[in-house]
Amino acid sequence: MSLRWQNGLFVPDLKLAKTPAEADAMFLTMLDKYVGQNRTVSANKSSTYPPKVFANDKASGGFKSGDLKEAMDRLLERGDILNETFGPPSRLRTKLVRACSN
């Protein structure tokens, strides 16, 4: 929760408060951006871990990595995004992509 100083008290800063739906939308926006730039991100903790990568991107709207991790977990659970395997059989890797809707 973000707080701001107002009239001698700390009060919740509702302008900075982000809802889960906003975090989900930002995660998908950032994923689309990275896929469009042919930059892969992986749900595995690594240098390409999306919550950390996206939180460090200025286009993320100030979302924290914790909020983006929760969004990633929700999106994976709902099936909106998925891990896709790619690469040669001797060096298979995974990347996050949007699920195809048929």
PDB file of N, CA and C in Angstrom:
ATOM      1  N   MET A   1       0.842  -1.169   0.000  1.00  0.00           N
ATOM      2  CA  MET A   1       0.000   0.000   0.000  1.00  0.00           C
ATOM      3  C   MET A   1       0.889   1.234   0.000  1.00  0.00           C
ATOM      4  N   SER A   2       0.546   2.176  -0.818  1.00  0.00           N
ATOM      5  CA  SER A   2       1.277   3.434  -0.869  1.00  0.00           C
ATOM      6  C   SER A   2       0.618   4.434   0.053  1.00  0.00           C
ATOM      7  N   LEU A   3       1.452   5.187   0.783  1.00  0.00           N
ATOM      8  CA  LEU A   3       0.946   6.207   1.701  1.00  0.00           C
ATOM      9  C   LEU A   3       1.492   7.560   1.297  1.00  0.00           C
ATOM     10  N   ARG A   4       0.756   8.589   1.674  1.00  0.00           N
ATOM     11  CA  ARG A   4       1.242   9.957   1.475  1.00  0.00           C
ATOM     12  C   ARG A   4       0.934  10.756   2.729  1.00  0.00           C
ATOM     13  N   TRP A   5       1.694  11.811   2.944  1.00  0.00           N
ATOM     14  CA  TRP A   5       1.536  12.656   4.113  1.00  0.00           C
ATOM     15  C   TRP A   5       0.484  13.710   3.823  1.00  0.00           C
ATOM     16  N   GLN A   6      -0.545  13.785   4.689  1.00  0.00           N
ATOM     17  CA  GLN A   6      -1.619  14.765   4.484  1.00  0.00           C
ATOM     18  C   GLN A   6      -2.083  15.271   5.831  1.00  0.00           C
ATOM     19  N   ASN A   7      -1.980  16.564   6.041  1.00  0.00           N
ATOM     20  CA  ASN A   7      -2.442  17.202   7.270  1.00  0.00           C
ATOM     21  C   ASN A   7      -1.911  16.508   8.522  1.00  0.00           C
ATOM     22  N   GLY A   8      -0.632  16.175   8.524  1.00  0.00           N
ATOM     23  CA  GLY A   8      -0.013  15.575   9.696  1.00  0.00           C
ATOM     24  C   GLY A   8      -0.247  14.087   9.870  1.00  0.00           C
ATOM     25  N   LEU A   9      -0.846  13.440   8.873  1.00  0.00           N
ATOM     26  CA  LEU A   9      -1.115  12.003   8.962  1.00  0.00           C
ATOM     27  C   LEU A   9      -0.685  11.312   7.672  1.00  0.00           C
ATOM     28  N   PHE A  10      -0.328  10.036   7.797  1.00  0.00           N
ATOM     29  CA  PHE A  10      -0.128   9.211   6.614  1.00  0.00           C
ATOM     30  C   PHE A  10      -1.480   8.636   6.211  1.00  0.00           C
ATOM     31  N   VAL A  11      -1.854   8.827   4.950  1.00  0.00           N
ATOM     32  CA  VAL A  11      -3.129   8.307   4.448  1.00  0.00           C
ATOM     33  C   VAL A  11      -2.855   7.494   3.187  1.00  0.00           C
ATOM     34  N   PRO A  12      -3.725   6.526   2.869  1.00  0.00           N
ATOM     35  CA  PRO A  12      -3.518   5.741   1.644  1.00  0.00           C
ATOM     36  C   PRO A  12      -3.538   6.649   0.419  1.00  0.00           C
ATOM     37  N   ASP A  13      -2.604   6.424  -0.470  1.00  0.00           N
ATOM     38  CA  ASP A  13      -2.549   7.184  -1.712  1.00  0.00           C
ATOM     39  C   ASP A  13      -3.308   6.395  -2.767  1.00  0.00           C
ATOM     40  N   LEU A  14      -4.572   6.712  -2.916  1.00  0.00           N
ATOM     41  CA  LEU A  14      -5.440   5.960  -3.819  1.00  0.00           C
ATOM     42  C   LEU A  14      -5.059   6.149  -5.279  1.00  0.00           C
ATOM     43  N   LYS A  15      -4.384   7.246  -5.608  1.00  0.00           N
ATOM     44  CA  LYS A  15      -3.951   7.451  -6.986  1.00  0.00           C
ATOM     45  C   LYS A  15      -2.917   6.408  -7.401  1.00  0.00           C
ATOM     46  N   LEU A  16      -2.111   5.958  -6.444  1.00  0.00           N
ATOM     47  CA  LEU A  16      -1.068   4.987  -6.753  1.00  0.00           C
ATOM     48  C   LEU A  16      -1.528   3.548  -6.577  1.00  0.00           C
ATOM     49  N   ALA A  17      -2.679   3.353  -5.920  1.00  0.00           N
ATOM     50  CA  ALA A  17      -3.160   1.995  -5.675  1.00  0.00           C
ATOM     51  C   ALA A  17      -3.510   1.327  -6.995  1.00  0.00           C
ATOM     52  N   LYS A  18      -3.061   0.101  -7.155  1.00  0.00           N
ATOM     53  CA  LYS A  18      -3.296  -0.653  -8.391  1.00  0.00           C
ATOM     54  C   LYS A  18      -4.177  -1.853  -8.063  1.00  0.00           C
ATOM     55  N   THR A  19      -5.155  -2.112  -8.901  1.00  0.00           N
ATOM     56  CA  THR A  19      -6.029  -3.262  -8.697  1.00  0.00           C
ATOM     57  C   THR A  19      -5.423  -4.485  -9.383  1.00  0.00           C
ATOM     58  N   PRO A  20      -5.842  -5.688  -8.968  1.00  0.00           N
ATOM     59  CA  PRO A  20      -5.371  -6.891  -9.656  1.00  0.00           C
ATOM     60  C   PRO A  20      -5.680  -6.863 -11.157  1.00  0.00           C
ATOM     61  N   ALA A  21      -6.845  -6.344 -11.524  1.00  0.00           N
ATOM     62  CA  ALA A  21      -7.205  -6.280 -12.951  1.00  0.00           C
ATOM     63  C   ALA A  21      -6.255  -5.353 -13.708  1.00  0.00           C
ATOM     64  N   GLU A  22      -5.859  -4.245 -13.084  1.00  0.00           N
ATOM     65  CA  GLU A  22      -4.907  -3.327 -13.721  1.00  0.00           C
ATOM     66  C   GLU A  22      -3.541  -3.995 -13.871  1.00  0.00           C
ATOM     67  N   ALA A  23      -3.126  -4.758 -12.857  1.00  0.00           N
ATOM     68  CA  ALA A  23      -1.843  -5.473 -12.927  1.00  0.00           C
ATOM     69  C   ALA A  23      -1.882  -6.532 -14.028  1.00  0.00           C
ATOM     70  N   ASP A  24      -3.003  -7.249 -14.134  1.00  0.00           N
ATOM     71  CA  ASP A  24      -3.148  -8.260 -15.193  1.00  0.00           C
ATOM     72  C   ASP A  24      -3.048  -7.609 -16.567  1.00  0.00           C
ATOM     73  N   ALA A  25      -3.742  -6.487 -16.741  1.00  0.00           N
ATOM     74  CA  ALA A  25      -3.727  -5.788 -18.029  1.00  0.00           C
ATOM     75  C   ALA A  25      -2.323  -5.277 -18.356  1.00  0.00           C
ATOM     76  N   MET A  26      -1.623  -4.751 -17.350  1.00  0.00           N
ATOM     77  CA  MET A  26      -0.267  -4.253 -17.586  1.00  0.00           C
ATOM     78  C   MET A  26       0.669  -5.402 -17.926  1.00  0.00           C
ATOM     79  N   PHE A  27       0.519  -6.546 -17.248  1.00  0.00           N
ATOM     80  CA  PHE A  27       1.367  -7.695 -17.546  1.00  0.00           C
ATOM     81  C   PHE A  27       1.174  -8.112 -19.004  1.00  0.00           C
ATOM     82  N   LEU A  28      -0.082  -8.197 -19.446  1.00  0.00           N
ATOM     83  CA  LEU A  28      -0.348  -8.590 -20.832  1.00  0.00           C
ATOM     84  C   LEU A  28       0.184  -7.558 -21.827  1.00  0.00           C
ATOM     85  N   THR A  29       0.055  -6.288 -21.492  1.00  0.00           N
ATOM     86  CA  THR A  29       0.583  -5.226 -22.350  1.00  0.00           C
ATOM     87  C   THR A  29       2.093  -5.352 -22.490  1.00  0.00           C
ATOM     88  N   MET A  30       2.758  -5.571 -21.359  1.00  0.00           N
ATOM     89  CA  MET A  30       4.214  -5.705 -21.390  1.00  0.00           C
ATOM     90  C   MET A  30       4.637  -6.982 -22.122  1.00  0.00           C
ATOM     91  N   LEU A  31       3.899  -8.076 -21.923  1.00  0.00           N
ATOM     92  CA  LEU A  31       4.214  -9.316 -22.626  1.00  0.00           C
ATOM     93  C   LEU A  31       4.084  -9.112 -24.133  1.00  0.00           C
ATOM     94  N   ASP A  32       3.009  -8.452 -24.551  1.00  0.00           N
ATOM     95  CA  ASP A  32       2.824  -8.162 -25.982  1.00  0.00           C
ATOM     96  C   ASP A  32       3.977  -7.322 -26.526  1.00  0.00           C
ATOM     97  N   LYS A  33       4.406  -6.333 -25.745  1.00  0.00           N
ATOM     98  CA  LYS A  33       5.515  -5.475 -26.163  1.00  0.00           C
ATOM     99  C   LYS A  33       6.777  -6.311 -26.378  1.00  0.00           C
ATOM    100  N   TYR A  34       7.090  -7.162 -25.416  1.00  0.00           N
ATOM    101  CA  TYR A  34       8.326  -7.948 -25.495  1.00  0.00           C
ATOM    102  C   TYR A  34       8.250  -8.987 -26.613  1.00  0.00           C
ATOM    103  N   VAL A  35       7.120  -9.637 -26.773  1.00  0.00           N
ATOM    104  CA  VAL A  35       6.968 -10.608 -27.864  1.00  0.00           C
ATOM    105  C   VAL A  35       7.098  -9.887 -29.202  1.00  0.00           C
ATOM    106  N   GLY A  36       6.501  -8.703 -29.318  1.00  0.00           N
ATOM    107  CA  GLY A  36       6.595  -7.919 -30.547  1.00  0.00           C
ATOM    108  C   GLY A  36       8.015  -7.509 -30.880  1.00  0.00           C
ATOM    109  N   GLN A  37       8.862  -7.399 -29.859  1.00  0.00           N
ATOM    110  CA  GLN A  37      10.268  -7.048 -30.058  1.00  0.00           C
ATOM    111  C   GLN A  37      11.147  -8.297 -30.147  1.00  0.00           C
ATOM    112  N   ASN A  38      10.515  -9.465 -30.204  1.00  0.00           N
ATOM    113  CA  ASN A  38      11.221 -10.749 -30.268  1.00  0.00           C
ATOM    114  C   ASN A  38      12.152 -10.942 -29.065  1.00  0.00           C
ATOM    115  N   ARG A  39      11.672 -10.496 -27.902  1.00  0.00           N
ATOM    116  CA  ARG A  39      12.413 -10.653 -26.642  1.00  0.00           C
ATOM    117  C   ARG A  39      11.625 -11.647 -25.791  1.00  0.00           C
ATOM    118  N   THR A  40      12.242 -12.748 -25.433  1.00  0.00           N
ATOM    119  CA  THR A  40      11.536 -13.775 -24.677  1.00  0.00           C
ATOM    120  C   THR A  40      11.663 -13.533 -23.183  1.00  0.00           C
ATOM    121  N   VAL A  41      10.606 -13.889 -22.472  1.00  0.00           N
ATOM    122  CA  VAL A  41      10.603 -13.893 -21.011  1.00  0.00           C
ATOM    123  C   VAL A  41      10.126 -15.263 -20.568  1.00  0.00           C
ATOM    124  N   SER A  42      10.623 -15.703 -19.417  1.00  0.00           N
ATOM    125  CA  SER A  42      10.335 -17.047 -18.948  1.00  0.00           C
ATOM    126  C   SER A  42       9.787 -17.006 -17.528  1.00  0.00           C
ATOM    127  N   ALA A  43       8.844 -17.887 -17.237  1.00  0.00           N
ATOM    128  CA  ALA A  43       8.277 -17.969 -15.894  1.00  0.00           C
ATOM    129  C   ALA A  43       9.272 -18.547 -14.898  1.00  0.00           C
ATOM    130  N   ASN A  44      10.381 -19.078 -15.395  1.00  0.00           N
ATOM    131  CA  ASN A  44      11.432 -19.585 -14.517  1.00  0.00           C
ATOM    132  C   ASN A  44      12.240 -18.403 -13.988  1.00  0.00           C
ATOM    133  N   LYS A  45      12.612 -18.483 -12.707  1.00  0.00           N
ATOM    134  CA  LYS A  45      13.420 -17.396 -12.141  1.00  0.00           C
ATOM    135  C   LYS A  45      14.791 -17.388 -12.816  1.00  0.00           C
ATOM    136  N   SER A  46      15.010 -16.328 -13.565  1.00  0.00           N
ATOM    137  CA  SER A  46      16.248 -16.151 -14.323  1.00  0.00           C
ATOM    138  C   SER A  46      16.364 -14.678 -14.680  1.00  0.00           C
ATOM    139  N   SER A  47      17.312 -14.361 -15.537  1.00  0.00           N
ATOM    140  CA  SER A  47      17.460 -12.964 -15.967  1.00  0.00           C
ATOM    141  C   SER A  47      16.299 -12.515 -16.847  1.00  0.00           C
ATOM    142  N   THR A  48      15.477 -13.467 -17.306  1.00  0.00           N
ATOM    143  CA  THR A  48      14.320 -13.128 -18.155  1.00  0.00           C
ATOM    144  C   THR A  48      12.998 -13.310 -17.404  1.00  0.00           C
ATOM    145  N   TYR A  49      13.030 -13.258 -16.077  1.00  0.00           N
ATOM    146  CA  TYR A  49      11.831 -13.439 -15.255  1.00  0.00           C
ATOM    147  C   TYR A  49      10.936 -12.206 -15.404  1.00  0.00           C
ATOM    148  N   PRO A  50       9.741 -12.374 -15.974  1.00  0.00           N
ATOM    149  CA  PRO A  50       8.906 -11.223 -16.345  1.00  0.00           C
ATOM    150  C   PRO A  50       8.599 -10.216 -15.233  1.00  0.00           C
ATOM    151  N   PRO A  51       8.227 -10.635 -14.021  1.00  0.00           N
ATOM    152  CA  PRO A  51       7.928  -9.604 -13.021  1.00  0.00           C
ATOM    153  C   PRO A  51       9.082  -8.635 -12.795  1.00  0.00           C
ATOM    154  N   LYS A  52      10.285  -9.142 -12.752  1.00  0.00           N
ATOM    155  CA  LYS A  52      11.439  -8.279 -12.533  1.00  0.00           C
ATOM    156  C   LYS A  52      11.765  -7.466 -13.786  1.00  0.00           C
ATOM    157  N   VAL A  53      11.762  -8.119 -14.934  1.00  0.00           N
ATOM    158  CA  VAL A  53      12.075  -7.431 -16.198  1.00  0.00           C
ATOM    159  C   VAL A  53      11.056  -6.319 -16.455  1.00  0.00           C
ATOM    160  N   PHE A  54       9.765  -6.632 -16.314  1.00  0.00           N
ATOM    161  CA  PHE A  54       8.720  -5.649 -16.595  1.00  0.00           C
ATOM    162  C   PHE A  54       8.744  -4.499 -15.590  1.00  0.00           C
ATOM    163  N   ALA A  55       8.969  -4.795 -14.307  1.00  0.00           N
ATOM    164  CA  ALA A  55       8.991  -3.738 -13.286  1.00  0.00           C
ATOM    165  C   ALA A  55      10.123  -2.743 -13.540  1.00  0.00           C
ATOM    166  N   ASN A  56      11.210  -3.202 -14.158  1.00  0.00           N
ATOM    167  CA  ASN A  56      12.340  -2.327 -14.459  1.00  0.00           C
ATOM    168  C   ASN A  56      12.160  -1.550 -15.763  1.00  0.00           C
ATOM    169  N   ASP A  57      11.099  -1.828 -16.499  1.00  0.00           N
ATOM    170  CA  ASP A  57      10.816  -1.150 -17.765  1.00  0.00           C
ATOM    171  C   ASP A  57       9.975   0.093 -17.466  1.00  0.00           C
ATOM    172  N   LYS A  58      10.386   1.230 -17.977  1.00  0.00           N
ATOM    173  CA  LYS A  58       9.661   2.480 -17.711  1.00  0.00           C
ATOM    174  C   LYS A  58       8.219   2.440 -18.206  1.00  0.00           C
ATOM    175  N   ALA A  59       7.933   1.596 -19.192  1.00  0.00           N
ATOM    176  CA  ALA A  59       6.583   1.516 -19.750  1.00  0.00           C
ATOM    177  C   ALA A  59       5.617   0.756 -18.843  1.00  0.00           C
ATOM    178  N   SER A  60       6.110   0.214 -17.726  1.00  0.00           N
ATOM    179  CA  SER A  60       5.250  -0.616 -16.868  1.00  0.00           C
ATOM    180  C   SER A  60       4.327   0.188 -15.964  1.00  0.00           C
ATOM    181  N   GLY A  61       4.392   1.483 -16.018  1.00  0.00           N
ATOM    182  CA  GLY A  61       3.463   2.299 -15.247  1.00  0.00           C
ATOM    183  C   GLY A  61       3.694   2.273 -13.742  1.00  0.00           C
ATOM    184  N   GLY A  62       4.886   1.930 -13.319  1.00  0.00           N
ATOM    185  CA  GLY A  62       5.195   1.958 -11.899  1.00  0.00           C
ATOM    186  C   GLY A  62       4.757   0.732 -11.116  1.00  0.00           C
ATOM    187  N   PHE A  63       4.346  -0.315 -11.799  1.00  0.00           N
ATOM    188  CA  PHE A  63       3.962  -1.545 -11.097  1.00  0.00           C
ATOM    189  C   PHE A  63       5.198  -2.171 -10.459  1.00  0.00           C
ATOM    190  N   LYS A  64       5.031  -2.693  -9.275  1.00  0.00           N
ATOM    191  CA  LYS A  64       6.104  -3.379  -8.559  1.00  0.00           C
ATOM    192  C   LYS A  64       6.189  -4.823  -9.020  1.00  0.00           C
ATOM    193  N   SER A  65       7.364  -5.426  -8.875  1.00  0.00           N
ATOM    194  CA  SER A  65       7.549  -6.809  -9.321  1.00  0.00           C
ATOM    195  C   SER A  65       6.612  -7.766  -8.586  1.00  0.00           C
ATOM    196  N   GLY A  66       6.310  -7.512  -7.322  1.00  0.00           N
ATOM    197  CA  GLY A  66       5.386  -8.366  -6.575  1.00  0.00           C
ATOM    198  C   GLY A  66       3.991  -8.365  -7.171  1.00  0.00           C
ATOM    199  N   ASP A  67       3.524  -7.174  -7.583  1.00  0.00           N
ATOM    200  CA  ASP A  67       2.207  -7.069  -8.224  1.00  0.00           C
ATOM    201  C   ASP A  67       2.206  -7.816  -9.551  1.00  0.00           C
ATOM    202  N   LEU A  68       3.291  -7.696 -10.294  1.00  0.00           N
ATOM    203  CA  LEU A  68       3.373  -8.360 -11.602  1.00  0.00           C
ATOM    204  C   LEU A  68       3.534  -9.870 -11.461  1.00  0.00           C
ATOM    205  N   LYS A  69       4.176 -10.327 -10.380  1.00  0.00           N
ATOM    206  CA  LYS A  69       4.272 -11.763 -10.140  1.00  0.00           C
ATOM    207  C   LYS A  69       2.898 -12.345  -9.852  1.00  0.00           C
ATOM    208  N   GLU A  70       2.125 -11.645  -9.018  1.00  0.00           N
ATOM    209  CA  GLU A  70       0.765 -12.098  -8.728  1.00  0.00           C
ATOM    210  C   GLU A  70      -0.074 -12.106  -9.995  1.00  0.00           C
ATOM    211  N   ALA A  71       0.103 -11.105 -10.845  1.00  0.00           N
ATOM    212  CA  ALA A  71      -0.628 -11.055 -12.118  1.00  0.00           C
ATOM    213  C   ALA A  71      -0.240 -12.233 -12.996  1.00  0.00           C
ATOM    214  N   MET A  72       1.062 -12.526 -13.083  1.00  0.00           N
ATOM    215  CA  MET A  72       1.525 -13.655 -13.884  1.00  0.00           C
ATOM    216  C   MET A  72       0.914 -14.958 -13.367  1.00  0.00           C
ATOM    217  N   ASP A  73       0.902 -15.130 -12.054  1.00  0.00           N
ATOM    218  CA  ASP A  73       0.321 -16.344 -11.469  1.00  0.00           C
ATOM    219  C   ASP A  73      -1.165 -16.476 -11.807  1.00  0.00           C
ATOM    220  N   ARG A  74      -1.895 -15.357 -11.703  1.00  0.00           N
ATOM    221  CA  ARG A  74      -3.329 -15.383 -12.040  1.00  0.00           C
ATOM    222  C   ARG A  74      -3.538 -15.721 -13.511  1.00  0.00           C
ATOM    223  N   LEU A  75      -2.763 -15.087 -14.382  1.00  0.00           N
ATOM    224  CA  LEU A  75      -2.912 -15.298 -15.825  1.00  0.00           C
ATOM    225  C   LEU A  75      -2.555 -16.728 -16.217  1.00  0.00           C
ATOM    226  N   LEU A  76      -1.528 -17.299 -15.592  1.00  0.00           N
ATOM    227  CA  LEU A  76      -1.180 -18.701 -15.855  1.00  0.00           C
ATOM    228  C   LEU A  76      -2.293 -19.626 -15.367  1.00  0.00           C
ATOM    229  N   GLU A  77      -2.806 -19.355 -14.178  1.00  0.00           N
ATOM    230  CA  GLU A  77      -3.864 -20.198 -13.617  1.00  0.00           C
ATOM    231  C   GLU A  77      -5.131 -20.156 -14.471  1.00  0.00           C
ATOM    232  N   ARG A  78      -5.471 -18.977 -14.986  1.00  0.00           N
ATOM    233  CA  ARG A  78      -6.666 -18.846 -15.831  1.00  0.00           C
ATOM    234  C   ARG A  78      -6.444 -19.370 -17.242  1.00  0.00           C
ATOM    235  N   GLY A  79      -5.180 -19.581 -17.616  1.00  0.00           N
ATOM    236  CA  GLY A  79      -4.894 -20.048 -18.970  1.00  0.00           C
ATOM    237  C   GLY A  79      -4.811 -18.934 -19.993  1.00  0.00           C
ATOM    238  N   ASP A  80      -4.711 -17.685 -19.540  1.00  0.00           N
ATOM    239  CA  ASP A  80      -4.587 -16.558 -20.465  1.00  0.00           C
ATOM    240  C   ASP A  80      -3.195 -16.488 -21.079  1.00  0.00           C
ATOM    241  N   ILE A  81      -2.192 -16.972 -20.337  1.00  0.00           N
ATOM    242  CA  ILE A  81      -0.833 -17.081 -20.848  1.00  0.00           C
ATOM    243  C   ILE A  81      -0.350 -18.496 -20.564  1.00  0.00           C
ATOM    244  N   LEU A  82       0.678 -18.921 -21.288  1.00  0.00           N
ATOM    245  CA  LEU A  82       1.206 -20.266 -21.057  1.00  0.00           C
ATOM    246  C   LEU A  82       2.679 -20.316 -21.377  1.00  0.00           C
ATOM    247  N   ASN A  83       3.322 -21.373 -20.876  1.00  0.00           N
ATOM    248  CA  ASN A  83       4.728 -21.625 -21.178  1.00  0.00           C
ATOM    249  C   ASN A  83       4.800 -22.390 -22.482  1.00  0.00           C
ATOM    250  N   GLU A  84       5.525 -21.861 -23.437  1.00  0.00           N
ATOM    251  CA  GLU A  84       5.711 -22.520 -24.721  1.00  0.00           C
ATOM    252  C   GLU A  84       7.164 -22.983 -24.815  1.00  0.00           C
ATOM    253  N   THR A  85       7.344 -24.232 -25.212  1.00  0.00           N
ATOM    254  CA  THR A  85       8.690 -24.788 -25.361  1.00  0.00           C
ATOM    255  C   THR A  85       9.238 -24.414 -26.729  1.00  0.00           C
ATOM    256  N   PHE A  86      10.524 -24.064 -26.769  1.00  0.00           N
ATOM    257  CA  PHE A  86      11.164 -23.740 -28.043  1.00  0.00           C
ATOM    258  C   PHE A  86      12.634 -24.127 -27.980  1.00  0.00           C
ATOM    259  N   GLY A  87      13.268 -24.161 -29.133  1.00  0.00           N
ATOM    260  CA  GLY A  87      14.683 -24.475 -29.226  1.00  0.00           C
ATOM    261  C   GLY A  87      14.916 -25.900 -29.682  1.00  0.00           C
ATOM    262  N   PRO A  88      16.175 -26.228 -29.926  1.00  0.00           N
ATOM    263  CA  PRO A  88      16.500 -27.581 -30.378  1.00  0.00           C
ATOM    264  C   PRO A  88      16.283 -28.589 -29.248  1.00  0.00           C
ATOM    265  N   PRO A  89      16.037 -29.859 -29.592  1.00  0.00           N
ATOM    266  CA  PRO A  89      15.793 -30.883 -28.566  1.00  0.00           C
ATOM    267  C   PRO A  89      16.917 -30.980 -27.532  1.00  0.00           C
ATOM    268  N   SER A  90      18.119 -30.669 -27.923  1.00  0.00           N
ATOM    269  CA  SER A  90      19.239 -30.758 -26.988  1.00  0.00           C
ATOM    270  C   SER A  90      19.299 -29.581 -26.011  1.00  0.00           C
ATOM    271  N   ARG A  91      18.514 -28.525 -26.294  1.00  0.00           N
ATOM    272  CA  ARG A  91      18.534 -27.343 -25.431  1.00  0.00           C
ATOM    273  C   ARG A  91      17.154 -26.688 -25.399  1.00  0.00           C
ATOM    274  N   LEU A  92      16.157 -27.433 -24.963  1.00  0.00           N
ATOM    275  CA  LEU A  92      14.800 -26.906 -24.892  1.00  0.00           C
ATOM    276  C   LEU A  92      14.699 -25.835 -23.814  1.00  0.00           C
ATOM    277  N   ARG A  93      13.973 -24.783 -24.132  1.00  0.00           N
ATOM    278  CA  ARG A  93      13.712 -23.704 -23.186  1.00  0.00           C
ATOM    279  C   ARG A  93      12.231 -23.378 -23.234  1.00  0.00           C
ATOM    280  N   THR A  94      11.774 -22.552 -22.310  1.00  0.00           N
ATOM    281  CA  THR A  94      10.377 -22.129 -22.320  1.00  0.00           C
ATOM    282  C   THR A  94      10.309 -20.605 -22.367  1.00  0.00           C
ATOM    283  N   LYS A  95       9.209 -20.132 -22.924  1.00  0.00           N
ATOM    284  CA  LYS A  95       8.940 -18.702 -22.934  1.00  0.00           C
ATOM    285  C   LYS A  95       7.454 -18.509 -22.689  1.00  0.00           C
ATOM    286  N   LEU A  96       7.107 -17.360 -22.132  1.00  0.00           N
ATOM    287  CA  LEU A  96       5.701 -17.050 -21.906  1.00  0.00           C
ATOM    288  C   LEU A  96       5.108 -16.431 -23.164  1.00  0.00           C
ATOM    289  N   VAL A  97       3.914 -16.879 -23.503  1.00  0.00           N
ATOM    290  CA  VAL A  97       3.166 -16.339 -24.638  1.00  0.00           C
ATOM    291  C   VAL A  97       1.697 -16.267 -24.246  1.00  0.00           C
ATOM    292  N   ARG A  98       0.959 -15.468 -24.969  1.00  0.00           N
ATOM    293  CA  ARG A  98      -0.497 -15.459 -24.780  1.00  0.00           C
ATOM    294  C   ARG A  98      -1.070 -16.771 -25.284  1.00  0.00           C
ATOM    295  N   ALA A  99      -2.080 -17.258 -24.616  1.00  0.00           N
ATOM    296  CA  ALA A  99      -2.764 -18.471 -25.074  1.00  0.00           C
ATOM    297  C   ALA A  99      -3.584 -18.122 -26.313  1.00  0.00           C
ATOM    298  N   CYS A 100      -3.621 -19.021 -27.255  1.00  0.00           N
ATOM    299  CA  CYS A 100      -4.430 -18.829 -28.454  1.00  0.00           C
ATOM    300  C   CYS A 100      -5.891 -19.059 -28.113  1.00  0.00           C
ATOM    301  N   SER A 101      -6.734 -18.184 -28.589  1.00  0.00           N
ATOM    302  CA  SER A 101      -8.164 -18.396 -28.367  1.00  0.00           C
ATOM    303  C   SER A 101      -8.785 -18.872 -29.674  1.00  0.00           C
ATOM    304  N   ASN A 102      -9.391 -20.024 -29.622  1.00  0.00           N
ATOM    305  CA  ASN A 102     -10.001 -20.593 -30.834  1.00  0.00           C
ATOM    306  C   ASN A 102     -11.489 -20.380 -30.816  1.00  0.00           C
TER     307      ASN A 102
END
